[in-house]
Amino acid sequence: KALIPNAQIFSWKNKSSEFSNGRVHAKVIIADSNTCF
């Protein structure tokens, strides 16, 4: 947030019971809905 102050940063806090202790493990970047890595 300090390095990229204008970025919108989200986290996964609201986890249902089936995902308790789950982690954000996906590594993805999507640009303009037409390119993804």
PDB file of all heavy atoms in Angstrom:
ATOM      1  N   LYS A   1       0.830  -1.214   0.000  1.00  0.00           N
ATOM      2  CA  LYS A   1       0.000   0.000   0.000  1.00  0.00           C
ATOM      3  C   LYS A   1       0.861   1.258   0.000  1.00  0.00           C
ATOM      4  O   LYS A   1       0.519   2.259  -0.636  1.00  0.00           O
ATOM      5  CB  LYS A   1      -0.922   0.004   1.218  1.00  0.00           C
ATOM      6  CG  LYS A   1      -2.061  -1.013   1.132  1.00  0.00           C
ATOM      7  CD  LYS A   1      -2.945  -0.980   2.369  1.00  0.00           C
ATOM      8  CE  LYS A   1      -3.763   0.289   2.404  1.00  0.00           C
ATOM      9  NZ  LYS A   1      -4.733   0.269   3.539  1.00  0.00           N
ATOM     10  N   ALA A   2       1.994   1.182   0.697  1.00  0.00           N
ATOM     11  CA  ALA A   2       2.902   2.333   0.708  1.00  0.00           C
ATOM     12  C   ALA A   2       3.620   2.485  -0.623  1.00  0.00           C
ATOM     13  O   ALA A   2       3.848   3.599  -1.104  1.00  0.00           O
ATOM     14  CB  ALA A   2       3.915   2.173   1.842  1.00  0.00           C
ATOM     15  N   LEU A   3       3.968   1.345  -1.262  1.00  0.00           N
ATOM     16  CA  LEU A   3       4.700   1.385  -2.532  1.00  0.00           C
ATOM     17  C   LEU A   3       3.795   1.749  -3.703  1.00  0.00           C
ATOM     18  O   LEU A   3       4.225   2.393  -4.661  1.00  0.00           O
ATOM     19  CB  LEU A   3       5.363   0.027  -2.796  1.00  0.00           C
ATOM     20  CG  LEU A   3       6.537  -0.350  -1.883  1.00  0.00           C
ATOM     21  CD1 LEU A   3       6.952  -1.796  -2.121  1.00  0.00           C
ATOM     22  CD2 LEU A   3       7.724   0.583  -2.125  1.00  0.00           C
ATOM     23  N   ILE A   4       2.533   1.309  -3.646  1.00  0.00           N
ATOM     24  CA  ILE A   4       1.575   1.584  -4.722  1.00  0.00           C
ATOM     25  C   ILE A   4       0.327   2.180  -4.075  1.00  0.00           C
ATOM     26  O   ILE A   4      -0.714   1.528  -3.938  1.00  0.00           O
ATOM     27  CB  ILE A   4       1.220   0.302  -5.512  1.00  0.00           C
ATOM     28  CG1 ILE A   4       2.465  -0.517  -5.821  1.00  0.00           C
ATOM     29  CG2 ILE A   4       0.491   0.639  -6.808  1.00  0.00           C
ATOM     30  CD1 ILE A   4       2.193  -1.862  -6.449  1.00  0.00           C
ATOM     31  N   PRO A   5       0.393   3.440  -3.649  1.00  0.00           N
ATOM     32  CA  PRO A   5      -0.687   4.032  -2.840  1.00  0.00           C
ATOM     33  C   PRO A   5      -2.033   4.110  -3.544  1.00  0.00           C
ATOM     34  O   PRO A   5      -3.077   4.159  -2.876  1.00  0.00           O
ATOM     35  CB  PRO A   5      -0.144   5.424  -2.504  1.00  0.00           C
ATOM     36  CG  PRO A   5       0.924   5.700  -3.505  1.00  0.00           C
ATOM     37  CD  PRO A   5       1.522   4.375  -3.850  1.00  0.00           C
ATOM     38  N   ASN A   6      -2.060   4.121  -4.865  1.00  0.00           N
ATOM     39  CA  ASN A   6      -3.324   4.250  -5.584  1.00  0.00           C
ATOM     40  C   ASN A   6      -3.913   2.912  -6.033  1.00  0.00           C
ATOM     41  O   ASN A   6      -4.923   2.891  -6.744  1.00  0.00           O
ATOM     42  CB  ASN A   6      -3.152   5.165  -6.794  1.00  0.00           C
ATOM     43  CG  ASN A   6      -2.899   6.608  -6.385  1.00  0.00           C
ATOM     44  OD1 ASN A   6      -3.601   7.135  -5.527  1.00  0.00           O
ATOM     45  ND2 ASN A   6      -1.897   7.238  -6.966  1.00  0.00           N
ATOM     46  N   ALA A   7      -3.280   1.829  -5.624  1.00  0.00           N
ATOM     47  CA  ALA A   7      -3.830   0.511  -5.941  1.00  0.00           C
ATOM     48  C   ALA A   7      -4.943   0.162  -4.963  1.00  0.00           C
ATOM     49  O   ALA A   7      -4.922   0.578  -3.799  1.00  0.00           O
ATOM     50  CB  ALA A   7      -2.736  -0.546  -5.879  1.00  0.00           C
ATOM     51  N   GLN A   8      -5.931  -0.592  -5.434  1.00  0.00           N
ATOM     52  CA  GLN A   8      -7.006  -1.093  -4.584  1.00  0.00           C
ATOM     53  C   GLN A   8      -6.601  -2.492  -4.119  1.00  0.00           C
ATOM     54  O   GLN A   8      -6.521  -3.414  -4.927  1.00  0.00           O
ATOM     55  CB  GLN A   8      -8.331  -1.159  -5.358  1.00  0.00           C
ATOM     56  CG  GLN A   8      -8.766   0.164  -5.950  1.00  0.00           C
ATOM     57  CD  GLN A   8      -9.976   0.023  -6.850  1.00  0.00           C
ATOM     58  OE1 GLN A   8     -10.488  -1.059  -7.057  1.00  0.00           O
ATOM     59  NE2 GLN A   8     -10.430   1.147  -7.397  1.00  0.00           N
ATOM     60  N   ILE A   9      -6.342  -2.638  -2.817  1.00  0.00           N
ATOM     61  CA  ILE A   9      -5.838  -3.913  -2.304  1.00  0.00           C
ATOM     62  C   ILE A   9      -6.919  -4.594  -1.471  1.00  0.00           C
ATOM     63  O   ILE A   9      -7.552  -3.973  -0.604  1.00  0.00           O
ATOM     64  CB  ILE A   9      -4.557  -3.720  -1.475  1.00  0.00           C
ATOM     65  CG1 ILE A   9      -3.468  -3.087  -2.363  1.00  0.00           C
ATOM     66  CG2 ILE A   9      -4.086  -5.054  -0.912  1.00  0.00           C
ATOM     67  CD1 ILE A   9      -2.127  -2.901  -1.682  1.00  0.00           C
ATOM     68  N   PHE A  10      -7.136  -5.892  -1.745  1.00  0.00           N
ATOM     69  CA  PHE A  10      -8.158  -6.681  -1.075  1.00  0.00           C
ATOM     70  C   PHE A  10      -7.515  -7.867  -0.360  1.00  0.00           C
ATOM     71  O   PHE A  10      -6.408  -8.297  -0.690  1.00  0.00           O
ATOM     72  CB  PHE A  10      -9.181  -7.206  -2.090  1.00  0.00           C
ATOM     73  CG  PHE A  10     -10.078  -6.138  -2.663  1.00  0.00           C
ATOM     74  CD1 PHE A  10      -9.598  -5.259  -3.631  1.00  0.00           C
ATOM     75  CD2 PHE A  10     -11.385  -6.007  -2.235  1.00  0.00           C
ATOM     76  CE1 PHE A  10     -10.418  -4.274  -4.157  1.00  0.00           C
ATOM     77  CE2 PHE A  10     -12.210  -5.025  -2.751  1.00  0.00           C
ATOM     78  CZ  PHE A  10     -11.726  -4.153  -3.712  1.00  0.00           C
ATOM     79  N   SER A  11      -8.252  -8.390   0.624  1.00  0.00           N
ATOM     80  CA  SER A  11      -7.821  -9.603   1.316  1.00  0.00           C
ATOM     81  C   SER A  11      -9.025 -10.524   1.495  1.00  0.00           C
ATOM     82  O   SER A  11     -10.175 -10.102   1.310  1.00  0.00           O
ATOM     83  CB  SER A  11      -7.192  -9.273   2.672  1.00  0.00           C
ATOM     84  OG  SER A  11      -8.174  -8.735   3.557  1.00  0.00           O
ATOM     85  N   TRP A  12      -8.745 -11.761   1.854  1.00  0.00           N
ATOM     86  CA  TRP A  12      -9.806 -12.768   2.015  1.00  0.00           C
ATOM     87  C   TRP A  12     -10.010 -13.031   3.501  1.00  0.00           C
ATOM     88  O   TRP A  12      -9.403 -13.917   4.089  1.00  0.00           O
ATOM     89  CB  TRP A  12      -9.403 -14.036   1.286  1.00  0.00           C
ATOM     90  CG  TRP A  12     -10.444 -15.118   1.260  1.00  0.00           C
ATOM     91  CD1 TRP A  12     -11.793 -14.971   1.366  1.00  0.00           C
ATOM     92  CD2 TRP A  12     -10.196 -16.520   1.098  1.00  0.00           C
ATOM     93  NE1 TRP A  12     -12.411 -16.187   1.275  1.00  0.00           N
ATOM     94  CE2 TRP A  12     -11.471 -17.155   1.107  1.00  0.00           C
ATOM     95  CE3 TRP A  12      -9.055 -17.280   0.916  1.00  0.00           C
ATOM     96  CZ2 TRP A  12     -11.598 -18.538   0.963  1.00  0.00           C
ATOM     97  CZ3 TRP A  12      -9.175 -18.649   0.772  1.00  0.00           C
ATOM     98  CH2 TRP A  12     -10.438 -19.281   0.791  1.00  0.00           C
ATOM     99  N   LYS A  13     -10.888 -12.236   4.110  1.00  0.00           N
ATOM    100  CA  LYS A  13     -11.167 -12.383   5.538  1.00  0.00           C
ATOM    101  C   LYS A  13     -12.474 -13.113   5.793  1.00  0.00           C
ATOM    102  O   LYS A  13     -12.595 -13.865   6.762  1.00  0.00           O
ATOM    103  CB  LYS A  13     -11.221 -11.005   6.215  1.00  0.00           C
ATOM    104  CG  LYS A  13      -9.883 -10.293   6.289  1.00  0.00           C
ATOM    105  CD  LYS A  13     -10.036  -8.967   7.023  1.00  0.00           C
ATOM    106  CE  LYS A  13      -8.704  -8.235   7.119  1.00  0.00           C
ATOM    107  NZ  LYS A  13      -8.855  -6.922   7.814  1.00  0.00           N
ATOM    108  N   ASN A  14     -13.456 -12.860   4.931  1.00  0.00           N
ATOM    109  CA  ASN A  14     -14.792 -13.428   5.153  1.00  0.00           C
ATOM    110  C   ASN A  14     -14.866 -14.846   4.583  1.00  0.00           C
ATOM    111  O   ASN A  14     -15.412 -15.076   3.508  1.00  0.00           O
ATOM    112  CB  ASN A  14     -15.856 -12.536   4.499  1.00  0.00           C
ATOM    113  CG  ASN A  14     -15.842 -11.132   5.077  1.00  0.00           C
ATOM    114  OD1 ASN A  14     -15.510 -10.945   6.237  1.00  0.00           O
ATOM    115  ND2 ASN A  14     -16.190 -10.151   4.250  1.00  0.00           N
ATOM    116  N   LYS A  15     -14.312 -15.791   5.325  1.00  0.00           N
ATOM    117  CA  LYS A  15     -14.253 -17.177   4.873  1.00  0.00           C
ATOM    118  C   LYS A  15     -15.373 -17.993   5.505  1.00  0.00           C
ATOM    119  O   LYS A  15     -15.577 -17.954   6.718  1.00  0.00           O
ATOM    120  CB  LYS A  15     -12.906 -17.792   5.245  1.00  0.00           C
ATOM    121  CG  LYS A  15     -11.714 -17.086   4.635  1.00  0.00           C
ATOM    122  CD  LYS A  15     -10.406 -17.616   5.194  1.00  0.00           C
ATOM    123  CE  LYS A  15      -9.226 -16.808   4.666  1.00  0.00           C
ATOM    124  NZ  LYS A  15      -7.946 -17.210   5.282  1.00  0.00           N
ATOM    125  N   SER A  16     -16.089 -18.721   4.654  1.00  0.00           N
ATOM    126  CA  SER A  16     -17.102 -19.636   5.183  1.00  0.00           C
ATOM    127  C   SER A  16     -16.398 -20.814   5.854  1.00  0.00           C
ATOM    128  O   SER A  16     -15.179 -21.007   5.693  1.00  0.00           O
ATOM    129  CB  SER A  16     -18.006 -20.127   4.052  1.00  0.00           C
ATOM    130  OG  SER A  16     -17.237 -20.804   3.072  1.00  0.00           O
ATOM    131  N   SER A  17     -17.151 -21.616   6.588  1.00  0.00           N
ATOM    132  CA  SER A  17     -16.547 -22.713   7.353  1.00  0.00           C
ATOM    133  C   SER A  17     -15.786 -23.695   6.474  1.00  0.00           C
ATOM    134  O   SER A  17     -14.760 -24.239   6.887  1.00  0.00           O
ATOM    135  CB  SER A  17     -17.638 -23.452   8.129  1.00  0.00           C
ATOM    136  OG  SER A  17     -18.638 -23.946   7.256  1.00  0.00           O
ATOM    137  N   GLU A  18     -16.267 -23.909   5.257  1.00  0.00           N
ATOM    138  CA  GLU A  18     -15.585 -24.871   4.386  1.00  0.00           C
ATOM    139  C   GLU A  18     -14.212 -24.375   3.939  1.00  0.00           C
ATOM    140  O   GLU A  18     -13.371 -25.167   3.511  1.00  0.00           O
ATOM    141  CB  GLU A  18     -16.444 -25.179   3.153  1.00  0.00           C
ATOM    142  CG  GLU A  18     -16.705 -23.992   2.246  1.00  0.00           C
ATOM    143  CD  GLU A  18     -17.545 -24.354   1.039  1.00  0.00           C
ATOM    144  OE1 GLU A  18     -17.262 -25.399   0.407  1.00  0.00           O
ATOM    145  OE2 GLU A  18     -18.481 -23.588   0.739  1.00  0.00           O
ATOM    146  N   PHE A  19     -13.976 -23.054   4.037  1.00  0.00           N
ATOM    147  CA  PHE A  19     -12.689 -22.500   3.634  1.00  0.00           C
ATOM    148  C   PHE A  19     -11.889 -21.958   4.825  1.00  0.00           C
ATOM    149  O   PHE A  19     -10.940 -21.203   4.641  1.00  0.00           O
ATOM    150  CB  PHE A  19     -12.891 -21.377   2.612  1.00  0.00           C
ATOM    151  CG  PHE A  19     -13.475 -21.852   1.310  1.00  0.00           C
ATOM    152  CD1 PHE A  19     -14.754 -21.464   0.916  1.00  0.00           C
ATOM    153  CD2 PHE A  19     -12.749 -22.693   0.470  1.00  0.00           C
ATOM    154  CE1 PHE A  19     -15.289 -21.903  -0.282  1.00  0.00           C
ATOM    155  CE2 PHE A  19     -13.283 -23.139  -0.737  1.00  0.00           C
ATOM    156  CZ  PHE A  19     -14.558 -22.742  -1.110  1.00  0.00           C
ATOM    157  N   SER A  20     -12.271 -22.326   6.039  1.00  0.00           N
ATOM    158  CA  SER A  20     -11.528 -21.845   7.204  1.00  0.00           C
ATOM    159  C   SER A  20     -10.067 -22.276   7.087  1.00  0.00           C
ATOM    160  O   SER A  20      -9.766 -23.397   6.664  1.00  0.00           O
ATOM    161  CB  SER A  20     -12.139 -22.401   8.496  1.00  0.00           C
ATOM    162  OG  SER A  20     -12.087 -23.810   8.500  1.00  0.00           O
ATOM    163  N   ASN A  21      -9.188 -21.365   7.434  1.00  0.00           N
ATOM    164  CA  ASN A  21      -7.733 -21.575   7.319  1.00  0.00           C
ATOM    165  C   ASN A  21      -7.257 -21.660   5.861  1.00  0.00           C
ATOM    166  O   ASN A  21      -6.122 -22.047   5.601  1.00  0.00           O
ATOM    167  CB  ASN A  21      -7.277 -22.829   8.072  1.00  0.00           C
ATOM    168  CG  ASN A  21      -7.569 -22.738   9.562  1.00  0.00           C
ATOM    169  OD1 ASN A  21      -7.374 -21.688  10.168  1.00  0.00           O
ATOM    170  ND2 ASN A  21      -8.068 -23.828  10.147  1.00  0.00           N
ATOM    171  N   GLY A  22      -8.137 -21.319   4.921  1.00  0.00           N
ATOM    172  CA  GLY A  22      -7.714 -21.269   3.522  1.00  0.00           C
ATOM    173  C   GLY A  22      -6.822 -20.066   3.253  1.00  0.00           C
ATOM    174  O   GLY A  22      -6.808 -19.099   4.030  1.00  0.00           O
ATOM    175  N   ARG A  23      -6.095 -20.106   2.160  1.00  0.00           N
ATOM    176  CA  ARG A  23      -5.146 -19.042   1.845  1.00  0.00           C
ATOM    177  C   ARG A  23      -5.342 -18.547   0.406  1.00  0.00           C
ATOM    178  O   ARG A  23      -5.825 -19.280  -0.448  1.00  0.00           O
ATOM    179  CB  ARG A  23      -3.705 -19.544   2.015  1.00  0.00           C
ATOM    180  CG  ARG A  23      -3.410 -20.057   3.404  1.00  0.00           C
ATOM    181  CD  ARG A  23      -2.014 -20.623   3.511  1.00  0.00           C
ATOM    182  NE  ARG A  23      -1.742 -21.117   4.864  1.00  0.00           N
ATOM    183  CZ  ARG A  23      -0.580 -21.631   5.245  1.00  0.00           C
ATOM    184  NH1 ARG A  23       0.426 -21.744   4.390  1.00  0.00           N
ATOM    185  NH2 ARG A  23      -0.412 -22.057   6.493  1.00  0.00           N
ATOM    186  N   VAL A  24      -4.919 -17.329   0.174  1.00  0.00           N
ATOM    187  CA  VAL A  24      -4.887 -16.797  -1.198  1.00  0.00           C
ATOM    188  C   VAL A  24      -3.639 -17.366  -1.866  1.00  0.00           C
ATOM    189  O   VAL A  24      -2.547 -16.828  -1.722  1.00  0.00           O
ATOM    190  CB  VAL A  24      -4.845 -15.257  -1.202  1.00  0.00           C
ATOM    191  CG1 VAL A  24      -4.754 -14.736  -2.647  1.00  0.00           C
ATOM    192  CG2 VAL A  24      -6.074 -14.675  -0.516  1.00  0.00           C
ATOM    193  N   HIS A  25      -3.811 -18.464  -2.560  1.00  0.00           N
ATOM    194  CA  HIS A  25      -2.641 -19.120  -3.145  1.00  0.00           C
ATOM    195  C   HIS A  25      -2.573 -18.968  -4.656  1.00  0.00           C
ATOM    196  O   HIS A  25      -1.608 -19.401  -5.297  1.00  0.00           O
ATOM    197  CB  HIS A  25      -2.634 -20.606  -2.768  1.00  0.00           C
ATOM    198  CG  HIS A  25      -1.276 -21.144  -2.473  1.00  0.00           C
ATOM    199  ND1 HIS A  25      -0.551 -21.902  -3.355  1.00  0.00           N
ATOM    200  CD2 HIS A  25      -0.492 -20.987  -1.379  1.00  0.00           C
ATOM    201  CE1 HIS A  25       0.614 -22.207  -2.833  1.00  0.00           C
ATOM    202  NE2 HIS A  25       0.682 -21.673  -1.628  1.00  0.00           N
ATOM    203  N   ALA A  26      -3.578 -18.351  -5.264  1.00  0.00           N
ATOM    204  CA  ALA A  26      -3.572 -18.150  -6.715  1.00  0.00           C
ATOM    205  C   ALA A  26      -2.582 -17.050  -7.097  1.00  0.00           C
ATOM    206  O   ALA A  26      -2.428 -16.063  -6.373  1.00  0.00           O
ATOM    207  CB  ALA A  26      -4.965 -17.766  -7.193  1.00  0.00           C
ATOM    208  N   LYS A  27      -1.893 -17.250  -8.212  1.00  0.00           N
ATOM    209  CA  LYS A  27      -0.995 -16.224  -8.738  1.00  0.00           C
ATOM    210  C   LYS A  27      -1.435 -15.921 -10.165  1.00  0.00           C
ATOM    211  O   LYS A  27      -1.161 -16.683 -11.096  1.00  0.00           O
ATOM    212  CB  LYS A  27       0.460 -16.693  -8.740  1.00  0.00           C
ATOM    213  CG  LYS A  27       1.040 -16.939  -7.350  1.00  0.00           C
ATOM    214  CD  LYS A  27       0.893 -18.386  -6.942  1.00  0.00           C
ATOM    215  CE  LYS A  27       1.560 -18.654  -5.605  1.00  0.00           C
ATOM    216  NZ  LYS A  27       1.400 -20.062  -5.190  1.00  0.00           N
ATOM    217  N   VAL A  28      -2.132 -14.805 -10.293  1.00  0.00           N
ATOM    218  CA  VAL A  28      -2.770 -14.460 -11.564  1.00  0.00           C
ATOM    219  C   VAL A  28      -2.662 -12.969 -11.798  1.00  0.00           C
ATOM    220  O   VAL A  28      -2.727 -12.186 -10.854  1.00  0.00           O
ATOM    221  CB  VAL A  28      -4.269 -14.857 -11.534  1.00  0.00           C
ATOM    222  CG1 VAL A  28      -4.986 -14.351 -12.777  1.00  0.00           C
ATOM    223  CG2 VAL A  28      -4.439 -16.354 -11.395  1.00  0.00           C
ATOM    224  N   ILE A  29      -2.497 -12.571 -13.060  1.00  0.00           N
ATOM    225  CA  ILE A  29      -2.642 -11.164 -13.435  1.00  0.00           C
ATOM    226  C   ILE A  29      -3.506 -11.105 -14.687  1.00  0.00           C
ATOM    227  O   ILE A  29      -3.275 -11.856 -15.642  1.00  0.00           O
ATOM    228  CB  ILE A  29      -1.286 -10.467 -13.650  1.00  0.00           C
ATOM    229  CG1 ILE A  29      -1.492  -9.007 -14.057  1.00  0.00           C
ATOM    230  CG2 ILE A  29      -0.416 -11.199 -14.653  1.00  0.00           C
ATOM    231  CD1 ILE A  29      -0.205  -8.173 -14.030  1.00  0.00           C
ATOM    232  N   ILE A  30      -4.520 -10.251 -14.652  1.00  0.00           N
ATOM    233  CA  ILE A  30      -5.448 -10.109 -15.780  1.00  0.00           C
ATOM    234  C   ILE A  30      -5.452  -8.661 -16.228  1.00  0.00           C
ATOM    235  O   ILE A  30      -5.594  -7.754 -15.404  1.00  0.00           O
ATOM    236  CB  ILE A  30      -6.877 -10.509 -15.375  1.00  0.00           C
ATOM    237  CG1 ILE A  30      -6.883 -11.868 -14.687  1.00  0.00           C
ATOM    238  CG2 ILE A  30      -7.793 -10.527 -16.584  1.00  0.00           C
ATOM    239  CD1 ILE A  30      -8.075 -12.085 -13.798  1.00  0.00           C
ATOM    240  N   ALA A  31      -5.300  -8.437 -17.512  1.00  0.00           N
ATOM    241  CA  ALA A  31      -5.297  -7.087 -18.065  1.00  0.00           C
ATOM    242  C   ALA A  31      -6.473  -6.905 -19.018  1.00  0.00           C
ATOM    243  O   ALA A  31      -6.627  -7.676 -19.974  1.00  0.00           O
ATOM    244  CB  ALA A  31      -3.991  -6.817 -18.804  1.00  0.00           C
ATOM    245  N   ASP A  32      -7.310  -5.918 -18.731  1.00  0.00           N
ATOM    246  CA  ASP A  32      -8.377  -5.498 -19.644  1.00  0.00           C
ATOM    247  C   ASP A  32      -9.333  -6.629 -20.036  1.00  0.00           C
ATOM    248  O   ASP A  32      -9.953  -6.579 -21.109  1.00  0.00           O
ATOM    249  CB  ASP A  32      -7.785  -4.874 -20.909  1.00  0.00           C
ATOM    250  CG  ASP A  32      -6.918  -3.661 -20.610  1.00  0.00           C
ATOM    251  OD1 ASP A  32      -7.230  -2.953 -19.630  1.00  0.00           O
ATOM    252  OD2 ASP A  32      -5.939  -3.428 -21.350  1.00  0.00           O
ATOM    253  N   SER A  33      -9.413  -7.658 -19.238  1.00  0.00           N
ATOM    254  CA  SER A  33     -10.297  -8.811 -19.489  1.00  0.00           C
ATOM    255  C   SER A  33      -9.955  -9.568 -20.763  1.00  0.00           C
ATOM    256  O   SER A  33     -10.740 -10.425 -21.195  1.00  0.00           O
ATOM    257  CB  SER A  33     -11.778  -8.367 -19.552  1.00  0.00           C
ATOM    258  OG  SER A  33     -12.209  -7.925 -18.287  1.00  0.00           O
ATOM    259  N   ASN A  34      -8.798  -9.280 -21.387  1.00  0.00           N
ATOM    260  CA  ASN A  34      -8.456 -10.027 -22.605  1.00  0.00           C
ATOM    261  C   ASN A  34      -7.084 -10.697 -22.563  1.00  0.00           C
ATOM    262  O   ASN A  34      -6.706 -11.394 -23.496  1.00  0.00           O
ATOM    263  CB  ASN A  34      -8.554  -9.134 -23.847  1.00  0.00           C
ATOM    264  CG  ASN A  34      -7.624  -7.936 -23.795  1.00  0.00           C
ATOM    265  OD1 ASN A  34      -6.609  -7.951 -23.103  1.00  0.00           O
ATOM    266  ND2 ASN A  34      -7.956  -6.882 -24.518  1.00  0.00           N
ATOM    267  N   THR A  35      -6.337 -10.497 -21.482  1.00  0.00           N
ATOM    268  CA  THR A  35      -5.043 -11.157 -21.329  1.00  0.00           C
ATOM    269  C   THR A  35      -4.913 -11.607 -19.880  1.00  0.00           C
ATOM    270  O   THR A  35      -5.212 -10.839 -18.968  1.00  0.00           O
ATOM    271  CB  THR A  35      -3.873 -10.211 -21.660  1.00  0.00           C
ATOM    272  OG1 THR A  35      -4.027  -9.733 -22.996  1.00  0.00           O
ATOM    273  CG2 THR A  35      -2.538 -10.933 -21.542  1.00  0.00           C
ATOM    274  N   CYS A  36      -4.479 -12.852 -19.669  1.00  0.00           N
ATOM    275  CA  CYS A  36      -4.213 -13.271 -18.297  1.00  0.00           C
ATOM    276  C   CYS A  36      -2.967 -14.145 -18.256  1.00  0.00           C
ATOM    277  O   CYS A  36      -2.648 -14.857 -19.211  1.00  0.00           O
ATOM    278  CB  CYS A  36      -5.408 -13.990 -17.678  1.00  0.00           C
ATOM    279  SG  CYS A  36      -5.739 -15.642 -18.293  1.00  0.00           S
ATOM    280  N   PHE A  37      -2.265 -14.027 -17.150  1.00  0.00           N
ATOM    281  CA  PHE A  37      -1.050 -14.799 -16.895  1.00  0.00           C
ATOM    282  C   PHE A  37      -1.298 -15.605 -15.633  1.00  0.00           C
ATOM    283  O   PHE A  37      -1.507 -15.051 -14.560  1.00  0.00           O
ATOM    284  CB  PHE A  37       0.133 -13.844 -16.728  1.00  0.00           C
ATOM    285  CG  PHE A  37       1.446 -14.519 -16.432  1.00  0.00           C
ATOM    286  CD1 PHE A  37       1.757 -15.764 -16.951  1.00  0.00           C
ATOM    287  CD2 PHE A  37       2.393 -13.880 -15.642  1.00  0.00           C
ATOM    288  CE1 PHE A  37       2.982 -16.373 -16.688  1.00  0.00           C
ATOM    289  CE2 PHE A  37       3.614 -14.469 -15.370  1.00  0.00           C
ATOM    290  CZ  PHE A  37       3.902 -15.730 -15.889  1.00  0.00           C
TER     291      PHE A  37
END
